[in-house]
Amino acid sequence: MDRETERTVWQRVRGQGQLNAEEALLPERLERIILEQRIDASSLRQLSGRLRGPERAAVARMAAEQDNRARELTALHYLLTGRQLRLKVPTPPISADLPQALRELFFRQKQAARELQGLQRDFDMYADHFAAMEQDARRNSRMLAGILQGVLPSASPPPQKR
């Protein structure tokens, strides 16, 4: 961030500056994405408790990354608006069926990547930041797909007992 951008941001935080038209739309979109990130983090924590071994550790790391991403977006929201964001995060329902839970989280990560890609396109000033987050979400979706493949029963039928 250059000095002029930093000065402008801190003026807004102190209530002395105004958002431009582009930035005025961002806080509302950020609120929705922050809530989704927190819900995803909670779901991933629940899921990690049902896994074992390296898969458990990988999903726990994903949950921590989601929390970090939500904190970063919350900080950006604060810098843009000058107000603390207090969101009530509902307890997410997660399927009791492990493969189904993995599928749901896989698709949520894909959706998060698409939303972050849209933010990159719509808000040039923060495009690099959103691009890094998008790549994290895509990596998480690939990891969840790999875990899902390991959890699903193989395509060949089990051997018959004689």
Foldseek 3Di string as FASTA:
>chain_A
DDPVVVVQLVCQLVVNHADDPLLVPPLVLLVVLLLLLLQLLLLLLVLLVVDDDPLSVVSPVLSVVSVVLSVVSQVVSCSSHNDHDDDDHDHDDADPDNLRSLVVSLVSLVVSLVSLCVCLVSPVVCNVVSNVVSVSSNVVSVSSVVVSVVPDDDPDDDDDDD
